[in-house]
Amino acid sequence: IFICDDYSKGLKVIESLSNEFKPEKSEFFYIERGKESHIKYKPIQF
């Protein structure tokens, strides 16, 4: 689990970690905090 308040910085970090460790399988999701709607995780595509 990785938590970051800045979406663009978070993307750079998970992309860097993914490139460094080269996992066989990985899935990344994000959620917008502070919204009054139901929690919905959205996939991140590189």
PDB file of N, CA and C in Angstrom:
ATOM      1  N   ILE A   1       0.858  -1.169   0.000  1.00  0.00           N
ATOM      2  CA  ILE A   1       0.000   0.000   0.000  1.00  0.00           C
ATOM      3  C   ILE A   1       0.901   1.228   0.000  1.00  0.00           C
ATOM      4  N   PHE A   2       0.596   2.143  -0.897  1.00  0.00           N
ATOM      5  CA  PHE A   2       1.344   3.392  -1.008  1.00  0.00           C
ATOM      6  C   PHE A   2       0.334   4.527  -0.988  1.00  0.00           C
ATOM      7  N   ILE A   3       0.553   5.508  -0.141  1.00  0.00           N
ATOM      8  CA  ILE A   3      -0.373   6.632  -0.026  1.00  0.00           C
ATOM      9  C   ILE A   3       0.377   7.923  -0.332  1.00  0.00           C
ATOM     10  N   CYS A   4      -0.197   8.735  -1.207  1.00  0.00           N
ATOM     11  CA  CYS A   4       0.402  10.017  -1.575  1.00  0.00           C
ATOM     12  C   CYS A   4      -0.718  11.015  -1.839  1.00  0.00           C
ATOM     13  N   ASP A   5      -0.567  12.236  -1.339  1.00  0.00           N
ATOM     14  CA  ASP A   5      -1.601  13.256  -1.532  1.00  0.00           C
ATOM     15  C   ASP A   5      -1.487  13.981  -2.866  1.00  0.00           C
ATOM     16  N   ASP A   6      -0.397  13.807  -3.576  1.00  0.00           N
ATOM     17  CA  ASP A   6      -0.208  14.469  -4.869  1.00  0.00           C
ATOM     18  C   ASP A   6      -0.223  13.408  -5.961  1.00  0.00           C
ATOM     19  N   TYR A   7      -1.277  13.396  -6.774  1.00  0.00           N
ATOM     20  CA  TYR A   7      -1.474  12.341  -7.779  1.00  0.00           C
ATOM     21  C   TYR A   7      -0.280  12.204  -8.721  1.00  0.00           C
ATOM     22  N   SER A   8       0.219  13.301  -9.263  1.00  0.00           N
ATOM     23  CA  SER A   8       1.314  13.213 -10.237  1.00  0.00           C
ATOM     24  C   SER A   8       2.601  12.706  -9.596  1.00  0.00           C
ATOM     25  N   LYS A   9       2.883  13.113  -8.359  1.00  0.00           N
ATOM     26  CA  LYS A   9       4.073  12.608  -7.660  1.00  0.00           C
ATOM     27  C   LYS A   9       3.906  11.129  -7.342  1.00  0.00           C
ATOM     28  N   GLY A  10       2.708  10.739  -6.951  1.00  0.00           N
ATOM     29  CA  GLY A  10       2.438   9.328  -6.664  1.00  0.00           C
ATOM     30  C   GLY A  10       2.638   8.455  -7.883  1.00  0.00           C
ATOM     31  N   LEU A  11       2.204   8.939  -9.052  1.00  0.00           N
ATOM     32  CA  LEU A  11       2.411   8.190 -10.297  1.00  0.00           C
ATOM     33  C   LEU A  11       3.888   7.975 -10.574  1.00  0.00           C
ATOM     34  N   LYS A  12       4.684   9.011 -10.359  1.00  0.00           N
ATOM     35  CA  LYS A  12       6.130   8.903 -10.591  1.00  0.00           C
ATOM     36  C   LYS A  12       6.749   7.867  -9.657  1.00  0.00           C
ATOM     37  N   VAL A  13       6.320   7.866  -8.401  1.00  0.00           N
ATOM     38  CA  VAL A  13       6.875   6.931  -7.418  1.00  0.00           C
ATOM     39  C   VAL A  13       6.512   5.491  -7.757  1.00  0.00           C
ATOM     40  N   ILE A  14       5.244   5.208  -8.050  1.00  0.00           N
ATOM     41  CA  ILE A  14       4.881   3.812  -8.329  1.00  0.00           C
ATOM     42  C   ILE A  14       5.458   3.343  -9.658  1.00  0.00           C
ATOM     43  N   GLU A  15       5.600   4.244 -10.618  1.00  0.00           N
ATOM     44  CA  GLU A  15       6.234   3.864 -11.883  1.00  0.00           C
ATOM     45  C   GLU A  15       7.711   3.547 -11.653  1.00  0.00           C
ATOM     46  N   SER A  16       8.381   4.346 -10.838  1.00  0.00           N
ATOM     47  CA  SER A  16       9.788   4.115 -10.516  1.00  0.00           C
ATOM     48  C   SER A  16       9.972   2.793  -9.771  1.00  0.00           C
ATOM     49  N   LEU A  17       9.126   2.537  -8.778  1.00  0.00           N
ATOM     50  CA  LEU A  17       9.207   1.282  -8.025  1.00  0.00           C
ATOM     51  C   LEU A  17       8.929   0.083  -8.924  1.00  0.00           C
ATOM     52  N   SER A  18       7.960   0.213  -9.800  1.00  0.00           N
ATOM     53  CA  SER A  18       7.628  -0.868 -10.724  1.00  0.00           C
ATOM     54  C   SER A  18       8.796  -1.163 -11.660  1.00  0.00           C
ATOM     55  N   ASN A  19       9.447  -0.121 -12.152  1.00  0.00           N
ATOM     56  CA  ASN A  19      10.603  -0.309 -13.037  1.00  0.00           C
ATOM     57  C   ASN A  19      11.794  -0.904 -12.301  1.00  0.00           C
ATOM     58  N   GLU A  20      11.983  -0.519 -11.038  1.00  0.00           N
ATOM     59  CA  GLU A  20      13.121  -1.009 -10.264  1.00  0.00           C
ATOM     60  C   GLU A  20      12.960  -2.471  -9.862  1.00  0.00           C
ATOM     61  N   PHE A  21      11.780  -2.844  -9.379  1.00  0.00           N
ATOM     62  CA  PHE A  21      11.575  -4.196  -8.862  1.00  0.00           C
ATOM     63  C   PHE A  21      11.022  -5.166  -9.898  1.00  0.00           C
ATOM     64  N   LYS A  22      10.455  -4.665 -10.980  1.00  0.00           N
ATOM     65  CA  LYS A  22       9.930  -5.464 -12.085  1.00  0.00           C
ATOM     66  C   LYS A  22       9.078  -6.653 -11.609  1.00  0.00           C
ATOM     67  N   PRO A  23       7.970  -6.374 -10.928  1.00  0.00           N
ATOM     68  CA  PRO A  23       7.111  -7.471 -10.461  1.00  0.00           C
ATOM     69  C   PRO A  23       6.467  -8.209 -11.632  1.00  0.00           C
ATOM     70  N   GLU A  24       6.226  -9.497 -11.431  1.00  0.00           N
ATOM     71  CA  GLU A  24       5.561 -10.288 -12.476  1.00  0.00           C
ATOM     72  C   GLU A  24       4.129  -9.811 -12.677  1.00  0.00           C
ATOM     73  N   LYS A  25       3.492  -9.410 -11.593  1.00  0.00           N
ATOM     74  CA  LYS A  25       2.113  -8.919 -11.668  1.00  0.00           C
ATOM     75  C   LYS A  25       1.967  -7.749 -10.701  1.00  0.00           C
ATOM     76  N   SER A  26       1.304  -6.718 -11.142  1.00  0.00           N
ATOM     77  CA  SER A  26       1.032  -5.590 -10.255  1.00  0.00           C
ATOM     78  C   SER A  26      -0.245  -4.892 -10.709  1.00  0.00           C
ATOM     79  N   GLU A  27      -0.943  -4.332  -9.756  1.00  0.00           N
ATOM     80  CA  GLU A  27      -2.152  -3.569 -10.036  1.00  0.00           C
ATOM     81  C   GLU A  27      -2.096  -2.308  -9.186  1.00  0.00           C
ATOM     82  N   PHE A  28      -2.410  -1.197  -9.788  1.00  0.00           N
ATOM     83  CA  PHE A  28      -2.390   0.070  -9.077  1.00  0.00           C
ATOM     84  C   PHE A  28      -3.752   0.734  -9.201  1.00  0.00           C
ATOM     85  N   PHE A  29      -4.210   1.286  -8.088  1.00  0.00           N
ATOM     86  CA  PHE A  29      -5.508   1.953  -8.048  1.00  0.00           C
ATOM     87  C   PHE A  29      -5.366   3.260  -7.280  1.00  0.00           C
ATOM     88  N   TYR A  30      -6.268   4.180  -7.548  1.00  0.00           N
ATOM     89  CA  TYR A  30      -6.289   5.416  -6.778  1.00  0.00           C
ATOM     90  C   TYR A  30      -7.718   5.735  -6.361  1.00  0.00           C
ATOM     91  N   ILE A  31      -7.812   6.568  -5.351  1.00  0.00           N
ATOM     92  CA  ILE A  31      -9.115   7.009  -4.867  1.00  0.00           C
ATOM     93  C   ILE A  31      -9.016   8.506  -4.593  1.00  0.00           C
ATOM     94  N   GLU A  32     -10.067   9.230  -4.919  1.00  0.00           N
ATOM     95  CA  GLU A  32     -10.096  10.658  -4.645  1.00  0.00           C
ATOM     96  C   GLU A  32     -10.608  10.863  -3.230  1.00  0.00           C
ATOM     97  N   ARG A  33      -9.789  11.481  -2.401  1.00  0.00           N
ATOM     98  CA  ARG A  33     -10.191  11.724  -1.025  1.00  0.00           C
ATOM     99  C   ARG A  33     -11.025  12.989  -0.932  1.00  0.00           C
ATOM    100  N   GLY A  34     -11.852  13.043   0.081  1.00  0.00           N
ATOM    101  CA  GLY A  34     -12.640  14.230   0.341  1.00  0.00           C
ATOM    102  C   GLY A  34     -13.922  14.321  -0.465  1.00  0.00           C
ATOM    103  N   LYS A  35     -14.177  13.331  -1.272  1.00  0.00           N
ATOM    104  CA  LYS A  35     -15.425  13.329  -2.036  1.00  0.00           C
ATOM    105  C   LYS A  35     -16.535  12.788  -1.138  1.00  0.00           C
ATOM    106  N   GLU A  36     -17.752  13.284  -1.325  1.00  0.00           N
ATOM    107  CA  GLU A  36     -18.871  12.812  -0.512  1.00  0.00           C
ATOM    108  C   GLU A  36     -19.530  11.573  -1.104  1.00  0.00           C
ATOM    109  N   SER A  37     -19.049  11.135  -2.254  1.00  0.00           N
ATOM    110  CA  SER A  37     -19.622   9.951  -2.887  1.00  0.00           C
ATOM    111  C   SER A  37     -19.049   8.685  -2.253  1.00  0.00           C
ATOM    112  N   HIS A  38     -19.555   7.541  -2.692  1.00  0.00           N
ATOM    113  CA  HIS A  38     -19.060   6.265  -2.194  1.00  0.00           C
ATOM    114  C   HIS A  38     -17.614   6.057  -2.622  1.00  0.00           C
ATOM    115  N   ILE A  39     -16.892   5.290  -1.824  1.00  0.00           N
ATOM    116  CA  ILE A  39     -15.495   5.001  -2.142  1.00  0.00           C
ATOM    117  C   ILE A  39     -15.443   4.156  -3.405  1.00  0.00           C
ATOM    118  N   LYS A  40     -14.686   4.606  -4.382  1.00  0.00           N
ATOM    119  CA  LYS A  40     -14.550   3.876  -5.633  1.00  0.00           C
ATOM    120  C   LYS A  40     -13.089   3.936  -6.066  1.00  0.00           C
ATOM    121  N   TYR A  41     -12.452   2.786  -6.118  1.00  0.00           N
ATOM    122  CA  TYR A  41     -11.063   2.724  -6.545  1.00  0.00           C
ATOM    123  C   TYR A  41     -11.008   2.694  -8.060  1.00  0.00           C
ATOM    124  N   LYS A  42     -10.157   3.523  -8.633  1.00  0.00           N
ATOM    125  CA  LYS A  42     -10.030   3.613 -10.088  1.00  0.00           C
ATOM    126  C   LYS A  42      -8.665   3.079 -10.496  1.00  0.00           C
ATOM    127  N   PRO A  43      -8.604   2.232 -11.523  1.00  0.00           N
ATOM    128  CA  PRO A  43      -7.316   1.659 -11.933  1.00  0.00           C
ATOM    129  C   PRO A  43      -6.405   2.704 -12.573  1.00  0.00           C
ATOM    130  N   ILE A  44      -5.112   2.501 -12.421  1.00  0.00           N
ATOM    131  CA  ILE A  44      -4.100   3.350 -13.043  1.00  0.00           C
ATOM    132  C   ILE A  44      -3.435   2.543 -14.138  1.00  0.00           C
ATOM    133  N   GLN A  45      -3.404   3.083 -15.332  1.00  0.00           N
ATOM    134  CA  GLN A  45      -2.757   2.431 -16.472  1.00  0.00           C
ATOM    135  C   GLN A  45      -1.488   3.202 -16.808  1.00  0.00           C
ATOM    136  N   PHE A  46      -0.396   2.489 -17.041  1.00  0.00           N
ATOM    137  CA  PHE A  46       0.852   3.141 -17.469  1.00  0.00           C
ATOM    138  C   PHE A  46       0.993   3.039 -18.951  1.00  0.00           C
TER     139      PHE A  46
END
